[in-house]
Amino acid sequence: MLECPICSAEVNLGPDTVQGELITCSDCGTELEVTGVNPFTVAEAPKEEEDWGE
């Protein structure tokens, strides 16, 4: 079990969670990225930006 870095709510990860996986905080709805798996760590996922065809 982890704590959301935005709202401090509990975030539950399954045993098959992998680094780079995106999850959503059930309390605040923030998209989080799993940044480590031993131990589990999460951070706010980067926002996608428009590439405007580049």
C-alpha atoms as a PDB file:
ATOM      1  CA  MET A   1       0.000   0.000   0.000  1.00  0.00           C
ATOM      2  CA  LEU A   2       1.231   3.487  -0.904  1.00  0.00           C
ATOM      3  CA  GLU A   3       0.185   7.069  -0.341  1.00  0.00           C
ATOM      4  CA  CYS A   4      -0.913   9.293  -3.227  1.00  0.00           C
ATOM      5  CA  PRO A   5       1.676  12.109  -3.546  1.00  0.00           C
ATOM      6  CA  ILE A   6      -1.138  14.571  -4.344  1.00  0.00           C
ATOM      7  CA  CYS A   7      -3.904  13.890  -1.810  1.00  0.00           C
ATOM      8  CA  SER A   8      -2.280  11.385   0.609  1.00  0.00           C
ATOM      9  CA  ALA A   9      -5.021   8.796   0.034  1.00  0.00           C
ATOM     10  CA  GLU A  10      -4.140   5.109   0.159  1.00  0.00           C
ATOM     11  CA  VAL A  11      -3.204   3.642  -3.230  1.00  0.00           C
ATOM     12  CA  ASN A  12      -3.287  -0.137  -3.555  1.00  0.00           C
ATOM     13  CA  LEU A  13      -1.030  -1.886  -6.061  1.00  0.00           C
ATOM     14  CA  GLY A  14      -1.314  -5.525  -7.076  1.00  0.00           C
ATOM     15  CA  PRO A  15       1.626  -7.923  -6.879  1.00  0.00           C
ATOM     16  CA  ASP A  16       1.858  -7.966 -10.696  1.00  0.00           C
ATOM     17  CA  THR A  17       2.302  -4.158 -10.937  1.00  0.00           C
ATOM     18  CA  VAL A  18       5.275  -3.175 -13.123  1.00  0.00           C
ATOM     19  CA  GLN A  19       7.447  -0.080 -13.311  1.00  0.00           C
ATOM     20  CA  GLY A  20       6.046   2.461 -15.769  1.00  0.00           C
ATOM     21  CA  GLU A  21       2.446   1.309 -15.247  1.00  0.00           C
ATOM     22  CA  LEU A  22      -0.145   4.082 -15.011  1.00  0.00           C
ATOM     23  CA  ILE A  23      -2.774   3.970 -12.278  1.00  0.00           C
ATOM     24  CA  THR A  24      -5.426   6.420 -11.124  1.00  0.00           C
ATOM     25  CA  CYS A  25      -5.891   7.574  -7.544  1.00  0.00           C
ATOM     26  CA  SER A  26      -9.410   6.573  -6.501  1.00  0.00           C
ATOM     27  CA  ASP A  27      -9.753   9.667  -4.287  1.00  0.00           C
ATOM     28  CA  CYS A  28      -8.470  12.601  -6.352  1.00  0.00           C
ATOM     29  CA  GLY A  29      -8.427  11.037  -9.832  1.00  0.00           C
ATOM     30  CA  THR A  30      -4.789  11.976 -10.481  1.00  0.00           C
ATOM     31  CA  GLU A  31      -2.991   9.713 -12.939  1.00  0.00           C
ATOM     32  CA  LEU A  32       0.068   8.226 -11.248  1.00  0.00           C
ATOM     33  CA  GLU A  33       3.055   6.412 -12.723  1.00  0.00           C
ATOM     34  CA  VAL A  34       4.751   3.553 -10.892  1.00  0.00           C
ATOM     35  CA  THR A  35       8.369   4.739 -10.642  1.00  0.00           C
ATOM     36  CA  GLY A  36       9.759   1.809  -8.672  1.00  0.00           C
ATOM     37  CA  VAL A  37       8.763  -1.711  -7.704  1.00  0.00           C
ATOM     38  CA  ASN A  38      11.150  -2.697  -4.916  1.00  0.00           C
ATOM     39  CA  PRO A  39       9.887  -0.914  -2.895  1.00  0.00           C
ATOM     40  CA  PHE A  40       6.836   0.406  -4.756  1.00  0.00           C
ATOM     41  CA  THR A  41       6.968   4.132  -5.434  1.00  0.00           C
ATOM     42  CA  VAL A  42       4.638   6.364  -7.450  1.00  0.00           C
ATOM     43  CA  ALA A  43       4.740   9.898  -8.821  1.00  0.00           C
ATOM     44  CA  GLU A  44       2.299  12.093 -10.698  1.00  0.00           C
ATOM     45  CA  ALA A  45       2.353  10.988 -14.329  1.00  0.00           C
ATOM     46  CA  PRO A  46       3.649  13.564 -16.820  1.00  0.00           C
ATOM     47  CA  LYS A  47       0.972  15.318 -18.843  1.00  0.00           C
ATOM     48  CA  GLU A  48       0.775  14.397 -22.514  1.00  0.00           C
ATOM     49  CA  GLU A  49       1.545  17.296 -24.798  1.00  0.00           C
ATOM     50  CA  GLU A  50       0.405  17.983 -28.346  1.00  0.00           C
ATOM     51  CA  ASP A  51       3.044  17.077 -30.878  1.00  0.00           C
ATOM     52  CA  TRP A  52       1.384  19.039 -33.708  1.00  0.00           C
ATOM     53  CA  GLY A  53       2.619  16.512 -36.255  1.00  0.00           C
ATOM     54  CA  GLU A  54       6.291  16.927 -35.390  1.00  0.00           C
END
